[in-house]
Protein backbone atom coordinates (compact mmCIF):
# COMPACT_ATOMS: atom_id res chain seq x y z
CA UNK A 1 90.72 110.21 83.23
CA UNK A 2 93.53 109.72 80.73
CA UNK A 3 94.75 106.79 82.82
CA UNK A 4 91.47 105.00 82.13
CA UNK A 5 91.92 105.58 78.40
CA UNK A 6 95.40 104.04 78.53
CA UNK A 7 94.05 101.10 80.49
CA UNK A 8 91.37 100.52 77.85
CA UNK A 9 93.92 100.67 75.04
CA UNK A 10 96.10 98.09 76.79
CA UNK A 11 93.16 95.77 77.50
CA UNK A 12 92.17 95.90 73.85
CA UNK A 13 95.72 95.03 72.80
CA UNK A 14 96.25 92.06 75.15
CA UNK A 15 92.64 90.81 74.88
CA UNK A 16 92.95 89.09 78.26
CA UNK A 17 91.68 89.72 81.76
CA UNK A 18 94.56 90.67 84.02
CA UNK A 19 94.85 93.01 87.00
CA UNK A 20 97.64 95.26 85.79
CA UNK A 21 98.74 98.73 86.87
CA UNK A 22 98.90 102.00 84.99
CA UNK A 23 100.77 104.56 87.04
CA UNK A 24 102.63 107.82 86.64
CA UNK A 25 106.35 107.50 86.10
CA UNK A 26 108.31 110.75 85.90
CA UNK A 27 111.63 109.08 85.13
CA UNK A 28 110.34 106.84 82.35
CA UNK A 29 107.63 108.36 80.19
CA UNK A 30 104.37 109.87 81.37
CA UNK A 31 102.72 106.61 82.46
CA UNK A 32 103.99 103.09 82.98
CA UNK A 33 102.36 99.65 83.02
CA UNK A 34 103.45 96.24 84.27
CA UNK A 35 101.00 94.33 82.05
CA UNK A 36 103.70 92.53 80.02
CA UNK A 37 105.44 91.34 83.19
CA UNK A 38 102.22 89.94 84.62
CA UNK A 39 101.31 88.19 81.37
CA UNK A 40 104.91 87.04 80.84
CA UNK A 41 104.67 88.16 77.24
CA UNK A 42 107.00 90.03 74.93
CA UNK A 43 106.40 93.72 75.82
CA UNK A 44 107.32 94.82 72.28
CA UNK A 45 104.57 92.67 70.79
CA UNK A 46 102.05 94.25 73.14
CA UNK A 47 103.36 97.73 72.36
CA UNK A 48 103.06 97.11 68.61
CA UNK A 49 99.37 96.28 69.02
CA UNK A 50 98.59 99.56 70.76
CA UNK A 51 97.56 102.17 68.21
CA UNK A 52 96.10 105.25 69.83
CA UNK A 53 95.95 108.93 68.89
CA UNK A 54 96.45 109.71 72.58
CA UNK A 55 99.90 108.06 72.67
CA UNK A 56 102.91 109.47 70.81
CA UNK A 57 105.46 106.85 71.82
CA UNK A 58 105.87 103.61 73.80
CA UNK A 59 109.22 102.49 75.20
CA UNK A 60 110.25 99.24 76.87
CA UNK A 61 112.23 99.41 80.12
CA UNK A 62 113.64 97.09 82.76
CA UNK A 63 112.11 93.61 82.97
CA UNK A 64 109.28 94.56 80.61
CA UNK A 65 107.58 97.76 81.68
CA UNK A 66 105.69 99.65 79.01
CA UNK A 67 106.36 103.38 79.26
CA UNK A 68 103.84 105.65 77.54
CA UNK A 69 104.31 109.20 76.27
CA UNK A 70 101.12 111.17 75.65
CA UNK A 71 100.54 112.95 72.37
CA UNK A 72 99.23 116.51 72.30
CA UNK A 73 95.77 115.06 71.76
CA UNK A 74 96.28 112.88 74.81
CA UNK A 75 97.26 115.89 76.91
CA UNK A 76 94.25 117.87 75.74
CA UNK A 77 91.94 114.92 76.39
CA UNK A 78 93.35 114.69 79.89
CA UNK A 79 92.55 118.35 80.50
CA UNK A 80 89.00 117.88 79.20
CA UNK A 81 88.48 115.04 81.64
CA UNK A 82 89.56 117.10 84.65
CA UNK A 83 85.91 117.92 85.14
CA UNK A 84 85.16 114.19 85.32
CA UNK A 85 86.54 113.64 88.81
CA UNK A 86 86.06 109.96 89.75
CA UNK A 87 82.57 109.23 91.00
CA UNK A 88 83.03 105.62 91.95
CA UNK A 89 81.08 106.23 95.17
CA UNK A 90 77.76 106.60 93.31
CA UNK A 91 76.10 107.95 96.44
CA UNK A 92 76.94 104.90 98.57
CA UNK A 93 76.88 105.53 102.33
CA UNK A 94 80.22 105.53 104.13
CA UNK A 95 80.78 106.30 107.77
CA UNK A 96 84.08 107.74 108.96
CA UNK A 97 84.54 107.72 112.73
CA UNK A 98 87.52 109.67 114.02
CA UNK A 99 89.03 111.46 117.02
CA UNK A 100 86.56 109.95 119.57
CA UNK A 101 88.77 111.12 122.44
CA UNK A 102 87.65 110.30 125.98
CA UNK A 103 85.85 113.32 127.50
CA UNK A 104 88.33 113.57 130.36
CA UNK A 105 90.41 116.52 129.18
CA UNK A 106 91.43 118.74 126.29
CA UNK A 107 92.67 117.42 122.96
CA UNK A 108 96.45 117.01 122.74
CA UNK A 109 98.79 116.79 119.75
CA UNK A 110 98.27 113.03 119.50
CA UNK A 111 94.58 113.60 118.73
CA UNK A 112 95.56 115.92 115.88
CA UNK A 113 96.55 113.05 113.59
CA UNK A 114 93.15 111.39 113.69
CA UNK A 115 91.38 114.76 113.57
CA UNK A 116 92.94 116.16 110.41
CA UNK A 117 93.38 112.81 108.68
CA UNK A 118 89.74 111.81 109.23
CA UNK A 119 88.52 115.18 108.00
CA UNK A 120 90.66 115.11 104.84
CA UNK A 121 89.79 111.48 104.06
CA UNK A 122 86.09 112.26 104.39
CA UNK A 123 86.54 115.24 102.05
CA UNK A 124 88.21 113.05 99.43
CA UNK A 125 85.54 110.36 99.66
CA UNK A 126 82.85 113.01 99.17
CA UNK A 127 84.74 114.34 96.16
CA UNK A 128 84.68 110.82 94.74
CA UNK A 129 80.89 110.63 95.00
CA UNK A 130 80.33 108.85 98.31
CA UNK A 131 77.72 109.99 100.81
CA UNK A 132 79.96 110.40 103.83
CA UNK A 133 78.81 110.67 107.43
CA UNK A 134 81.38 111.86 109.95
CA UNK A 135 80.89 110.53 113.46
CA UNK A 136 82.47 111.10 116.86
CA UNK A 137 81.96 108.40 119.50
CA UNK A 138 81.75 109.90 123.02
CA UNK A 139 83.01 107.43 125.63
CA UNK A 140 80.73 108.79 128.35
CA UNK A 141 78.99 105.71 129.77
CA UNK A 142 78.52 105.96 133.53
CA UNK A 143 79.76 102.38 133.72
CA UNK A 144 83.05 103.14 131.97
CA UNK A 145 86.31 103.09 133.90
CA UNK A 146 87.45 106.51 132.66
CA UNK A 147 84.23 108.25 133.71
CA UNK A 148 84.45 106.69 137.18
CA UNK A 149 88.11 107.66 137.41
CA UNK A 150 87.24 111.22 136.37
CA UNK A 151 84.64 111.23 139.14
CA UNK A 152 87.26 110.09 141.65
CA UNK A 153 89.55 112.90 140.56
CA UNK A 154 86.78 115.47 140.95
CA UNK A 155 85.82 114.18 144.41
CA UNK A 156 89.43 114.27 145.60
CA UNK A 157 89.81 110.48 145.69
CA UNK A 158 92.40 110.38 142.91
CA UNK A 159 94.57 112.54 140.66
CA UNK A 160 94.49 110.72 137.30
CA UNK A 161 92.88 113.57 135.35
CA UNK A 162 93.89 116.49 137.56
CA UNK A 163 95.07 119.32 135.30
CA UNK A 164 94.97 123.10 135.52
CA UNK A 165 92.08 122.96 133.05
CA UNK A 166 90.07 120.65 135.34
CA UNK A 167 91.00 122.63 138.46
CA UNK A 168 89.60 125.77 136.88
CA UNK A 169 86.35 123.97 136.09
CA UNK A 170 86.02 122.82 139.68
CA UNK A 171 86.65 126.19 141.35
CA UNK A 172 83.94 127.06 143.92
CA UNK A 173 81.90 123.96 143.00
CA UNK A 174 80.38 121.74 145.66
CA UNK A 175 78.86 118.35 145.04
CA UNK A 176 75.72 117.17 146.78
CA UNK A 177 76.37 113.55 145.77
CA UNK A 178 79.32 111.28 146.39
CA UNK A 179 78.68 109.09 143.33
CA UNK A 180 81.79 108.84 141.16
CA UNK A 181 79.82 107.88 138.05
CA UNK A 182 77.30 110.73 138.32
CA UNK A 183 79.92 113.36 139.10
CA UNK A 184 82.26 112.08 136.39
CA UNK A 185 79.48 112.07 133.81
CA UNK A 186 78.40 115.62 134.69
CA UNK A 187 81.90 117.05 134.20
CA UNK A 188 82.51 114.86 131.12
CA UNK A 189 79.53 116.59 129.48
CA UNK A 190 81.15 119.99 130.06
CA UNK A 191 84.54 118.79 128.80
CA UNK A 192 82.92 117.32 125.70
CA UNK A 193 81.11 120.59 125.02
CA UNK A 194 84.44 122.46 125.19
CA UNK A 195 86.10 119.93 122.90
CA UNK A 196 83.29 120.15 120.35
CA UNK A 197 83.67 123.93 120.17
CA UNK A 198 87.42 123.57 119.67
CA UNK A 199 86.99 120.90 117.00
CA UNK A 200 84.61 123.17 115.09
CA UNK A 201 87.22 125.96 115.29
CA UNK A 202 89.60 123.61 113.43
CA UNK A 203 87.18 123.55 110.50
CA UNK A 204 86.05 120.01 111.28
CA UNK A 205 82.35 119.24 111.25
CA UNK A 206 80.68 116.06 112.45
CA UNK A 207 77.30 114.81 111.28
CA UNK A 208 76.74 112.95 114.53
CA UNK A 209 78.09 113.03 118.07
CA UNK A 210 77.24 109.54 119.33
CA UNK A 211 76.87 109.27 123.11
CA UNK A 212 77.73 105.88 124.60
CA UNK A 213 75.64 106.70 127.68
CA UNK A 214 72.50 107.95 125.91
CA UNK A 215 72.48 105.72 122.85
CA UNK A 216 73.91 102.46 124.18
CA UNK A 217 73.78 102.13 127.97
CA UNK A 218 70.41 103.81 128.56
CA UNK A 219 68.86 101.88 125.68
CA UNK A 220 70.06 98.58 127.18
CA UNK A 221 72.20 97.85 124.11
CA UNK A 222 74.91 96.14 126.19
CA UNK A 223 72.35 93.65 127.53
CA UNK A 224 70.90 93.10 124.04
CA UNK A 225 74.38 92.48 122.65
CA UNK A 226 75.16 89.85 125.27
CA UNK A 227 71.83 88.15 124.55
CA UNK A 228 72.63 88.12 120.82
CA UNK A 229 76.05 86.56 121.43
CA UNK A 230 74.57 84.01 123.84
CA UNK A 231 71.96 83.06 121.26
CA UNK A 232 74.74 82.42 118.75
CA UNK A 233 76.59 80.36 121.43
CA UNK A 234 79.61 82.62 121.13
CA UNK A 235 80.14 83.25 124.86
CA UNK A 236 81.05 81.23 127.93
CA UNK A 237 81.74 81.89 131.61
CA UNK A 238 85.12 81.41 133.24
CA UNK A 239 86.48 82.67 136.57
CA UNK A 240 83.28 84.66 137.07
CA UNK A 241 83.73 86.62 133.83
CA UNK A 242 81.94 86.35 130.48
CA UNK A 243 84.25 85.52 127.55
CA UNK A 244 83.74 85.86 123.81
CA UNK A 245 85.05 83.11 121.49
CA UNK A 246 87.05 85.44 119.26
CA UNK A 247 89.91 82.93 118.86
CA UNK A 248 87.63 80.85 116.60
CA UNK A 249 87.49 83.78 114.17
CA UNK A 250 91.11 84.84 113.82
CA UNK A 251 91.91 86.53 117.11
CA UNK A 252 94.92 85.45 119.17
CA UNK A 253 92.76 84.50 122.15
CA UNK A 254 89.26 84.77 123.57
CA UNK A 255 88.30 88.12 125.11
CA UNK A 256 86.45 89.20 128.24
CA UNK A 257 83.27 91.20 127.59
CA UNK A 258 81.94 91.27 131.18
CA UNK A 259 84.42 91.30 134.05
CA UNK A 260 84.05 89.11 137.14
CA UNK A 261 83.02 92.29 139.02
CA UNK A 262 80.02 92.58 136.71
CA UNK A 263 81.42 95.64 134.93
CA UNK A 264 81.20 95.68 131.16
CA UNK A 265 84.50 95.62 129.32
CA UNK A 266 85.35 98.29 126.75
CA UNK A 267 85.20 95.57 124.09
CA UNK A 268 81.50 94.92 124.73
CA UNK A 269 80.76 98.60 124.27
CA UNK A 270 82.68 98.56 121.01
CA UNK A 271 80.70 95.55 119.76
CA UNK A 272 77.38 97.16 120.66
CA UNK A 273 78.43 100.38 118.94
CA UNK A 274 79.41 98.58 115.73
CA UNK A 275 76.19 96.60 115.70
CA UNK A 276 74.45 99.97 115.77
CA UNK A 277 76.61 101.18 112.86
CA UNK A 278 75.87 98.12 110.74
CA UNK A 279 72.14 98.50 111.32
CA UNK A 280 72.34 102.01 109.88
CA UNK A 281 73.16 100.51 106.48
CA UNK A 282 76.61 101.84 105.63
CA UNK A 283 78.31 100.26 102.62
CA UNK A 284 81.63 100.85 104.32
CA UNK A 285 82.63 101.71 107.89
CA UNK A 286 86.01 103.34 108.50
CA UNK A 287 87.34 103.56 112.07
CA UNK A 288 90.38 105.70 112.81
CA UNK A 289 91.84 104.66 116.15
CA UNK A 290 94.83 105.72 118.21
CA UNK A 291 98.09 103.78 118.46
CA UNK A 292 97.02 102.30 121.81
CA UNK A 293 94.18 100.47 120.04
CA UNK A 294 96.41 98.47 117.70
CA UNK A 295 95.63 95.26 119.58
CA UNK A 296 91.88 95.83 119.25
CA UNK A 297 91.85 95.43 115.48
CA UNK A 298 92.02 91.62 115.37
CA UNK A 299 89.29 91.17 117.93
CA UNK A 300 86.93 93.57 116.13
CA UNK A 301 87.55 91.88 112.79
CA UNK A 302 86.82 88.56 114.54
CA UNK A 303 83.45 89.96 115.65
CA UNK A 304 82.73 91.03 112.07
CA UNK A 305 83.20 87.42 110.93
CA UNK A 306 81.30 86.07 113.91
CA UNK A 307 78.22 88.21 113.27
CA UNK A 308 78.43 88.05 109.48
CA UNK A 309 78.40 91.78 108.87
CA UNK A 310 78.03 92.63 105.18
CA UNK A 311 79.38 96.16 105.53
CA UNK A 312 83.07 96.58 104.77
CA UNK A 313 85.01 97.46 107.91
CA UNK A 314 88.36 99.22 107.65
CA UNK A 315 90.23 100.02 110.86
CA UNK A 316 93.09 102.48 110.51
CA UNK A 317 95.62 103.08 113.28
CA UNK A 318 97.04 106.52 113.90
CA UNK A 319 100.65 106.30 115.03
CA UNK A 320 102.32 108.50 117.62
CA UNK A 321 103.18 112.15 117.16
CA UNK A 322 106.31 113.86 118.49
CA UNK A 323 107.03 117.57 118.70
CA UNK A 324 110.45 118.46 117.29
CA UNK A 325 112.20 121.75 118.06
CA UNK A 326 115.75 121.94 116.79
CA UNK A 327 117.45 118.71 117.86
CA UNK A 328 115.07 118.18 120.74
CA UNK A 329 112.07 115.85 120.51
CA UNK A 330 109.25 115.98 122.99
CA UNK A 331 107.35 112.73 123.33
CA UNK A 332 103.72 112.63 124.36
CA UNK A 333 103.23 111.09 127.79
CA UNK A 334 100.13 111.30 129.97
CA UNK A 335 101.90 109.69 132.90
CA UNK A 336 104.77 112.18 132.94
CA UNK A 337 102.31 115.03 132.49
CA UNK A 338 104.10 116.59 129.52
CA UNK A 339 101.00 116.79 127.36
CA UNK A 340 101.16 119.32 124.53
CA UNK A 341 97.70 120.63 123.82
CA UNK A 342 96.57 120.84 120.22
CA UNK A 343 95.13 124.33 120.77
CA UNK A 344 98.55 125.61 121.85
CA UNK A 345 100.20 124.17 118.75
CA UNK A 346 97.57 125.78 116.49
CA UNK A 347 98.01 129.10 118.29
CA UNK A 348 101.79 129.01 117.85
CA UNK A 349 102.12 128.03 114.17
CA UNK A 350 98.67 128.60 112.65
CA UNK A 351 95.98 126.18 111.51
CA UNK A 352 97.17 125.88 107.90
CA UNK A 353 100.68 124.84 108.92
CA UNK A 354 99.35 122.43 111.55
CA UNK A 355 97.06 120.74 109.05
CA UNK A 356 99.77 120.43 106.40
CA UNK A 357 102.43 118.99 108.71
CA UNK A 358 99.98 116.46 110.15
CA UNK A 359 98.78 115.39 106.72
CA UNK A 360 102.09 115.14 104.88
CA UNK A 361 103.01 111.81 106.51
CA UNK A 362 101.24 108.48 106.24
CA UNK A 363 98.95 107.81 109.20
CA UNK A 364 100.71 104.49 109.83
CA UNK A 365 104.16 106.05 110.35
CA UNK A 366 105.54 107.89 113.36
CA UNK A 367 105.35 111.66 112.90
CA UNK A 368 107.82 114.33 113.97
CA UNK A 369 106.15 117.74 113.92
CA UNK A 370 108.96 120.15 113.05
CA UNK A 371 107.99 123.24 115.03
CA UNK A 372 110.73 125.49 113.62
CA UNK A 373 109.95 124.63 110.00
CA UNK A 374 106.20 125.04 110.54
CA UNK A 375 106.80 128.61 111.79
CA UNK A 376 109.13 129.48 108.90
CA UNK A 377 107.71 132.15 106.62
CA UNK A 378 109.74 131.20 103.57
CA UNK A 379 109.72 128.71 100.72
CA UNK A 380 111.49 126.20 102.96
CA UNK A 381 108.10 125.68 104.56
CA UNK A 382 106.09 123.47 102.16
CA UNK A 383 102.67 124.93 102.97
CA UNK A 384 104.01 128.47 102.54
CA UNK A 385 105.62 127.43 99.24
CA UNK A 386 102.36 126.01 97.92
CA UNK A 387 100.23 128.93 99.07
CA UNK A 388 102.73 131.40 97.60
CA UNK A 389 102.50 129.65 94.23
CA UNK A 390 98.72 130.02 94.37
CA UNK A 391 99.02 133.73 95.19
CA UNK A 392 101.39 134.15 92.22
CA UNK A 393 98.83 132.51 89.92
CA UNK A 394 96.24 134.94 91.17
CA UNK A 395 98.61 137.87 90.55
CA UNK A 396 99.14 136.82 86.93
CA UNK A 397 95.41 136.55 86.33
CA UNK A 398 94.84 139.99 87.84
CA UNK A 399 97.55 141.57 85.68
CA UNK A 400 96.22 140.11 82.43
CA UNK A 401 93.57 142.13 80.67
CA UNK A 402 92.22 139.02 79.03
CA UNK A 403 89.39 137.02 80.62
CA UNK A 404 90.43 133.56 81.75
CA UNK A 405 88.78 131.01 79.49
CA UNK A 406 87.37 127.86 80.96
CA UNK A 407 89.70 125.48 79.17
CA UNK A 408 93.17 125.37 77.71
CA UNK A 409 92.47 124.29 74.14
CA UNK A 410 95.67 124.78 72.17
CA UNK A 411 99.42 124.69 72.49
CA UNK A 412 101.49 127.64 73.56
CA UNK A 413 103.79 127.83 70.55
CA UNK A 414 102.72 127.09 67.00
CA UNK A 415 101.42 123.58 67.47
CA UNK A 416 104.27 122.36 69.66
CA UNK A 417 103.87 122.35 73.43
CA UNK A 418 106.98 123.48 75.31
CA UNK A 419 108.38 121.33 78.10
CA UNK A 420 107.30 123.59 81.02
CA UNK A 421 103.75 123.75 79.66
CA UNK A 422 103.69 120.03 78.98
CA UNK A 423 104.93 119.19 82.48
CA UNK A 424 102.32 121.45 84.04
CA UNK A 425 99.53 119.84 82.01
CA UNK A 426 100.74 116.38 82.97
CA UNK A 427 100.60 117.29 86.64
CA UNK A 428 97.12 118.80 86.27
CA UNK A 429 95.63 115.70 84.69
CA UNK A 430 96.91 113.64 87.63
CA UNK A 431 94.50 115.36 90.03
CA UNK A 432 91.48 113.04 89.54
CA UNK A 433 93.86 110.07 89.52
CA UNK A 434 95.21 111.17 92.91
CA UNK A 435 91.64 111.32 94.25
CA UNK A 436 90.90 107.86 92.90
CA UNK A 437 94.05 106.39 94.43
CA UNK A 438 93.27 107.81 97.87
CA UNK A 439 89.77 106.31 97.83
CA UNK A 440 91.41 102.92 97.32
CA UNK A 441 94.33 103.02 99.74
CA UNK A 442 93.44 105.92 102.10
CA UNK A 443 96.92 107.43 101.73
CA UNK A 444 95.84 111.03 102.27
CA UNK A 445 99.43 112.29 102.16
CA UNK A 446 99.17 111.89 98.39
CA UNK A 447 97.32 115.24 98.46
CA UNK A 448 100.17 117.18 100.07
CA UNK A 449 102.63 115.55 97.67
CA UNK A 450 100.41 116.46 94.73
CA UNK A 451 99.93 120.07 95.88
CA UNK A 452 103.69 120.55 96.33
CA UNK A 453 104.52 118.99 92.96
CA UNK A 454 101.87 121.09 91.22
CA UNK A 455 103.29 124.23 92.83
CA UNK A 456 106.79 123.17 91.72
CA UNK A 457 105.72 122.60 88.12
CA UNK A 458 103.98 125.95 88.08
CA UNK A 459 107.07 127.68 89.48
CA UNK A 460 109.15 126.19 86.66
CA UNK A 461 106.49 127.28 84.16
CA UNK A 462 106.52 130.81 85.62
CA UNK A 463 110.32 131.03 85.34
CA UNK A 464 110.49 129.79 81.75
CA UNK A 465 107.31 131.00 80.08
CA UNK A 466 106.26 134.57 79.43
CA UNK A 467 102.52 134.84 79.92
CA UNK A 468 101.52 138.51 80.01
CA UNK A 469 101.98 140.11 76.60
CA UNK A 470 102.84 136.89 74.75
CA UNK A 471 101.18 135.99 71.45
CA UNK A 472 99.56 133.02 73.18
CA UNK A 473 98.49 134.93 76.28
CA UNK A 474 94.87 133.83 75.89
CA UNK A 475 95.77 130.12 76.01
CA UNK A 476 98.36 130.54 78.74
CA UNK A 477 96.02 132.56 80.96
CA UNK A 478 93.52 129.73 80.61
CA UNK A 479 96.19 127.30 81.77
CA UNK A 480 97.11 129.48 84.76
CA UNK A 481 93.42 129.79 85.71
CA UNK A 482 92.98 126.05 85.51
CA UNK A 483 96.10 125.47 87.61
CA UNK A 484 94.84 127.89 90.24
CA UNK A 485 91.49 126.10 90.39
CA UNK A 486 93.05 122.64 90.79
CA UNK A 487 95.42 123.91 93.48
CA UNK A 488 92.52 125.55 95.31
CA UNK A 489 90.52 122.31 95.08
CA UNK A 490 93.47 120.34 96.48
CA UNK A 491 93.98 122.71 99.39
CA UNK A 492 90.24 122.70 100.11
CA UNK A 493 90.32 118.91 100.46
CA UNK A 494 93.19 119.31 102.92
CA UNK A 495 91.25 122.00 104.81
CA UNK A 496 93.97 124.57 104.07
CA UNK A 497 93.30 128.12 102.90
CA UNK A 498 94.35 129.43 99.49
CA UNK A 499 95.18 133.14 100.06
CA UNK A 500 94.99 135.44 97.05
CA UNK A 501 97.89 137.58 98.28
CA UNK A 502 100.95 136.84 100.41
């Protein structure tokens, strides 16, 4: 990546170890660095030491930022390195667990955030060279409260999960047993099977569907976990319950793992599940949980310290989703029964639009899904705008009689690159840098931003530059072909189609 080259040039000039940034800066140069600020040195002196054929100019701005402008050689080098997408993963095993909705009903729009985010993040990590395993944890233990409550609903002893979907499943069915756990588990299996089919229809594939009942409860993992914690003297009994000493490891208070009734707490199941994950040898474990699990993060990180897990554990919280139609916002509420099913949203606006609108916002922020905009078939709709740009690229390539070369190797006008061409090249060489940044901070929305900006730069290029029939058609066609490929790669990571015609 050209950013790595700039970083090396700066390190050579300062001859000191310092954790500085090199980032894109559209307002001030092509790239910018804060190295002079961190070192508290004269930025001009540092700039004077940097002599590189890849840099045409360095300017000083603000409190000491170094702003770099790439030379033509720098631009061409950046294009050459597009094939060298970051491979910092080096085949290391990473597990990404996401969705993991309770098997008590269909997936709603709240589950969509974890679903599409987890899928896109896993795609990016694979692109960066990690060996990614996608996992779905099925909360189907016969001892769990939700399975028992589902059983009560089925047997007519409660209404917690009573929906038209469940009523249809129960038509003309008679139960020979009156066991809430057994009945709840039986129906949960059917619900899970339906949900798995739907998830696959979204283009999301899991490597493993991990059953709490089959792989934890039946294998006595809850009992083994308690014995492990007792051996480490991390538990104590109080008021008939078993407590874990999480407050000693950063949690706000100690937590119950076995209730006074003898029932296991959800937390114990979570601990047993993560012990299983760690034993599988992942370098990094990424959990994507719903907003209602925010309070669980501290206690799980406390367990990590307590048990000395070597695997990195990152827990990401998916914030709430709201459906917006005009000025009206519809909040998700299970209690009020105004659940909006994810399948209905996909049916109404299409999978591409659903994926884009879910992925364009940071997972940690509240999301308003603009229903009217998602249905818009115009350039006001960002996914339509991006896909249309891709279709236009394809049209240009089809109209040209020249074969698209693999690389853009020369300027478009007598040794001097025009501004639209330069801007497009700059955006192209940011693709591997975008991938690298996401692997570090998990901000998947960088991909939608990048795709939109790339489409915008291409649109400006298309307006200002004549391609077909120009004296530099061969070079320009190569640039269009490269742009189409990078846009297709970006959309593929997002799980969004790249239509050839629109």
